[in-house]
Every structure is written in C-alpha cells, then in structure tokens.
Amino acid sequence: MSFVFTDRESTYPNRYLITRDNGSTEFVVLERADEPVVPGTPLNAETFNALSEELAKVVSTQATVTAISIVRAGSVVTMTNTLDNNTTEVLEVALDEQDTPTQITANGVVIPLTWEGF
C-alpha cells in the first residue's frame, strides 16, 4: 500500500503574516534568494509519490524468514536467509585482519561502505 501526496495550493503563495511585539500586523511576501549551487531534490508531491511507490514495491515483495544460517570461512562471513516463498537472500561481509568490514555484498550486489562519523 502506498500513500498519495498532493501539493499544497494557496491563494497567496509565499505570503506570511508578521505580528510585531506591539500587536500590529503586516502581510509580506517572502522569496528565496539564496542562489543554490545544487538545487537539490524538490519536496513536492511528485517526489514523495515516487518514493512511496518504490517503498510499496519493496514491502509487497518481502517474505518471512524461515531459517538463518551464518558461516565464517576465513575473512568472509556469509549469512543466508531462507524465506517462506522458497527463495534465499545471501549477505556476505568481507573482513580485514581487525574484523572490520571491508566489503558487503547482498545477493551479488556490492553495497558501498562509508564510515563517516565514527
């Protein structure tokens, strides 16, 4: 099941009401003037609906794990999940001499490792 997002529509886009300490009010129109170097991902219905659809695909294809096998052979740890839909998922982790992961592979796809913030 996916969610459906809609864009907000207003009569007065970018209009804000400023209320001063003395109680007086004033309507103003704010415009972004930050000159972005990278425009980034738009936060709108199109973006969120695409994300919701992709998440729904992942959730709808998930199955229940019925068995887990973890085996270490030298510097590689392999975890195999057997699912109730007669498929398996394989996660392999390659380790260095200090048992720090150097590469992770999920069902044959290498997953990039980043250690930022550690």
C-alpha atoms as a PDB file:
ATOM      1  CA  MET A   1       0.000   0.000   0.000  1.00  0.00           C
ATOM      2  CA  SER A   2       1.392   3.380  -0.941  1.00  0.00           C
ATOM      3  CA  PHE A   3       0.429   6.834   0.207  1.00  0.00           C
ATOM      4  CA  VAL A   4      -0.741   9.524  -2.193  1.00  0.00           C
ATOM      5  CA  PHE A   5       0.673  13.002  -1.643  1.00  0.00           C
ATOM      6  CA  THR A   6      -0.725  16.220  -3.087  1.00  0.00           C
ATOM      7  CA  ASP A   7       0.963  19.580  -3.489  1.00  0.00           C
ATOM      8  CA  ARG A   8      -0.286  22.431  -1.314  1.00  0.00           C
ATOM      9  CA  GLU A   9      -2.145  25.105  -3.276  1.00  0.00           C
ATOM     10  CA  SER A  10      -2.684  28.536  -1.809  1.00  0.00           C
ATOM     11  CA  THR A  11      -4.454  31.710  -2.815  1.00  0.00           C
ATOM     12  CA  TYR A  12      -1.409  33.797  -1.860  1.00  0.00           C
ATOM     13  CA  PRO A  13       1.813  31.807  -2.378  1.00  0.00           C
ATOM     14  CA  ASN A  14       4.775  32.805  -0.187  1.00  0.00           C
ATOM     15  CA  ARG A  15       2.595  35.221   1.793  1.00  0.00           C
ATOM     16  CA  TYR A  16       3.248  35.459   5.525  1.00  0.00           C
ATOM     17  CA  LEU A  17       1.674  37.483   8.317  1.00  0.00           C
ATOM     18  CA  ILE A  18       4.114  39.239  10.620  1.00  0.00           C
ATOM     19  CA  THR A  19       2.801  40.150  14.064  1.00  0.00           C
ATOM     20  CA  ARG A  20       5.011  42.633  15.867  1.00  0.00           C
ATOM     21  CA  ASP A  21       5.542  42.873  19.648  1.00  0.00           C
ATOM     22  CA  ASN A  22       3.188  45.862  19.790  1.00  0.00           C
ATOM     23  CA  GLY A  23       0.380  43.823  18.199  1.00  0.00           C
ATOM     24  CA  SER A  24       0.452  45.442  14.756  1.00  0.00           C
ATOM     25  CA  THR A  25       0.402  43.092  11.780  1.00  0.00           C
ATOM     26  CA  GLU A  26       1.676  43.199   8.245  1.00  0.00           C
ATOM     27  CA  PHE A  27       1.430  40.803   5.314  1.00  0.00           C
ATOM     28  CA  VAL A  28       4.697  40.196   3.456  1.00  0.00           C
ATOM     29  CA  VAL A  29       5.714  38.008   0.520  1.00  0.00           C
ATOM     30  CA  LEU A  30       8.936  36.054   1.079  1.00  0.00           C
ATOM     31  CA  GLU A  31      11.090  34.960  -1.816  1.00  0.00           C
ATOM     32  CA  ARG A  32      14.117  32.677  -1.596  1.00  0.00           C
ATOM     33  CA  ALA A  33      17.267  34.437  -2.748  1.00  0.00           C
ATOM     34  CA  ASP A  34      19.959  32.000  -1.608  1.00  0.00           C
ATOM     35  CA  GLU A  35      21.387  31.272  -5.092  1.00  0.00           C
ATOM     36  CA  PRO A  36      21.753  27.488  -4.640  1.00  0.00           C
ATOM     37  CA  VAL A  37      24.835  25.779  -6.048  1.00  0.00           C
ATOM     38  CA  VAL A  38      22.908  22.482  -6.149  1.00  0.00           C
ATOM     39  CA  PRO A  39      19.128  22.811  -6.418  1.00  0.00           C
ATOM     40  CA  GLY A  40      18.563  19.559  -4.523  1.00  0.00           C
ATOM     41  CA  THR A  41      15.585  17.218  -4.569  1.00  0.00           C
ATOM     42  CA  PRO A  42      12.267  19.048  -4.732  1.00  0.00           C
ATOM     43  CA  LEU A  43       9.963  18.435  -1.770  1.00  0.00           C
ATOM     44  CA  ASN A  44       6.742  18.026  -3.707  1.00  0.00           C
ATOM     45  CA  ALA A  45       4.008  15.502  -4.411  1.00  0.00           C
ATOM     46  CA  GLU A  46       5.802  14.047  -7.444  1.00  0.00           C
ATOM     47  CA  THR A  47       8.925  13.238  -5.424  1.00  0.00           C
ATOM     48  CA  PHE A  48       7.056  11.832  -2.420  1.00  0.00           C
ATOM     49  CA  ASN A  49       4.657   9.780  -4.580  1.00  0.00           C
ATOM     50  CA  ALA A  50       7.589   8.197  -6.466  1.00  0.00           C
ATOM     51  CA  LEU A  51       9.268   7.343  -3.161  1.00  0.00           C
ATOM     52  CA  SER A  52       6.025   5.941  -1.756  1.00  0.00           C
ATOM     53  CA  GLU A  53       5.537   3.721  -4.821  1.00  0.00           C
ATOM     54  CA  GLU A  54       9.081   2.336  -4.574  1.00  0.00           C
ATOM     55  CA  LEU A  55       8.664   1.610  -0.867  1.00  0.00           C
ATOM     56  CA  ALA A  56       5.360  -0.138  -1.557  1.00  0.00           C
ATOM     57  CA  LYS A  57       7.118  -2.406  -4.090  1.00  0.00           C
ATOM     58  CA  VAL A  58       9.730  -3.385  -1.505  1.00  0.00           C
ATOM     59  CA  VAL A  59       7.160  -4.051   1.202  1.00  0.00           C
ATOM     60  CA  SER A  60       4.896  -6.069  -1.111  1.00  0.00           C
ATOM     61  CA  THR A  61       7.763  -8.366  -2.150  1.00  0.00           C
ATOM     62  CA  GLN A  62       9.013  -9.073   1.346  1.00  0.00           C
ATOM     63  CA  ALA A  63       8.589 -12.547   2.736  1.00  0.00           C
ATOM     64  CA  THR A  64       9.031 -14.123   6.143  1.00  0.00           C
ATOM     65  CA  VAL A  65      12.414 -15.552   7.060  1.00  0.00           C
ATOM     66  CA  THR A  66      12.049 -19.223   7.985  1.00  0.00           C
ATOM     67  CA  ALA A  67      15.733 -20.060   8.577  1.00  0.00           C
ATOM     68  CA  ILE A  68      19.031 -18.217   9.030  1.00  0.00           C
ATOM     69  CA  SER A  69      22.490 -19.675   8.512  1.00  0.00           C
ATOM     70  CA  ILE A  70      25.656 -17.757   9.476  1.00  0.00           C
ATOM     71  CA  VAL A  71      29.001 -19.225   8.439  1.00  0.00           C
ATOM     72  CA  ARG A  72      32.510 -17.781   8.759  1.00  0.00           C
ATOM     73  CA  ALA A  73      35.148 -19.034   6.353  1.00  0.00           C
ATOM     74  CA  GLY A  74      38.404 -17.188   6.939  1.00  0.00           C
ATOM     75  CA  SER A  75      37.810 -13.499   6.355  1.00  0.00           C
ATOM     76  CA  VAL A  76      34.274 -13.841   4.942  1.00  0.00           C
ATOM     77  CA  VAL A  77      31.070 -14.137   6.950  1.00  0.00           C
ATOM     78  CA  THR A  78      28.081 -15.372   4.974  1.00  0.00           C
ATOM     79  CA  MET A  79      24.506 -15.064   6.234  1.00  0.00           C
ATOM     80  CA  THR A  80      21.859 -16.926   4.270  1.00  0.00           C
ATOM     81  CA  ASN A  81      18.167 -16.263   4.911  1.00  0.00           C
ATOM     82  CA  THR A  82      15.689 -18.848   3.692  1.00  0.00           C
ATOM     83  CA  LEU A  83      12.296 -17.272   3.033  1.00  0.00           C
ATOM     84  CA  ASP A  84       8.819 -18.739   3.099  1.00  0.00           C
ATOM     85  CA  ASN A  85       8.413 -18.056  -0.640  1.00  0.00           C
ATOM     86  CA  ASN A  86      11.176 -20.618  -1.416  1.00  0.00           C
ATOM     87  CA  THR A  87      13.840 -18.000  -2.126  1.00  0.00           C
ATOM     88  CA  THR A  88      17.061 -17.156  -0.335  1.00  0.00           C
ATOM     89  CA  GLU A  89      18.879 -13.945   0.448  1.00  0.00           C
ATOM     90  CA  VAL A  90      22.647 -14.025   0.818  1.00  0.00           C
ATOM     91  CA  LEU A  91      24.662 -11.375   2.647  1.00  0.00           C
ATOM     92  CA  GLU A  92      28.450 -11.669   2.549  1.00  0.00           C
ATOM     93  CA  VAL A  93      30.752  -9.497   4.658  1.00  0.00           C
ATOM     94  CA  ALA A  94      34.494  -9.437   3.897  1.00  0.00           C
ATOM     95  CA  LEU A  95      36.632  -8.588   6.937  1.00  0.00           C
ATOM     96  CA  ASP A  96      40.189  -7.311   7.340  1.00  0.00           C
ATOM     97  CA  GLU A  97      42.687  -8.505   9.973  1.00  0.00           C
ATOM     98  CA  GLN A  98      40.922  -6.484  12.702  1.00  0.00           C
ATOM     99  CA  ASP A  99      37.500  -7.892  11.717  1.00  0.00           C
ATOM    100  CA  THR A 100      36.456  -4.549  10.243  1.00  0.00           C
ATOM    101  CA  PRO A 101      34.096  -4.949   7.272  1.00  0.00           C
ATOM    102  CA  THR A 102      35.812  -4.058   4.005  1.00  0.00           C
ATOM    103  CA  GLN A 103      33.019  -5.052   1.628  1.00  0.00           C
ATOM    104  CA  ILE A 104      29.386  -6.088   1.915  1.00  0.00           C
ATOM    105  CA  THR A 105      27.595  -7.960  -0.842  1.00  0.00           C
ATOM    106  CA  ALA A 106      23.841  -8.555  -0.798  1.00  0.00           C
ATOM    107  CA  ASN A 107      22.528 -11.091  -3.310  1.00  0.00           C
ATOM    108  CA  GLY A 108      25.562 -10.442  -5.509  1.00  0.00           C
ATOM    109  CA  VAL A 109      25.331  -6.636  -5.343  1.00  0.00           C
ATOM    110  CA  VAL A 110      28.197  -4.785  -3.666  1.00  0.00           C
ATOM    111  CA  ILE A 111      26.971  -2.251  -1.104  1.00  0.00           C
ATOM    112  CA  PRO A 112      29.236   0.798  -0.683  1.00  0.00           C
ATOM    113  CA  LEU A 113      30.683   1.194   2.799  1.00  0.00           C
ATOM    114  CA  THR A 114      31.033   4.602   4.415  1.00  0.00           C
ATOM    115  CA  TRP A 115      32.428   5.148   7.892  1.00  0.00           C
ATOM    116  CA  GLU A 116      31.657   8.841   8.315  1.00  0.00           C
ATOM    117  CA  GLY A 117      31.078   9.976  11.862  1.00  0.00           C
ATOM    118  CA  PHE A 118      32.716   7.026  13.590  1.00  0.00           C
END
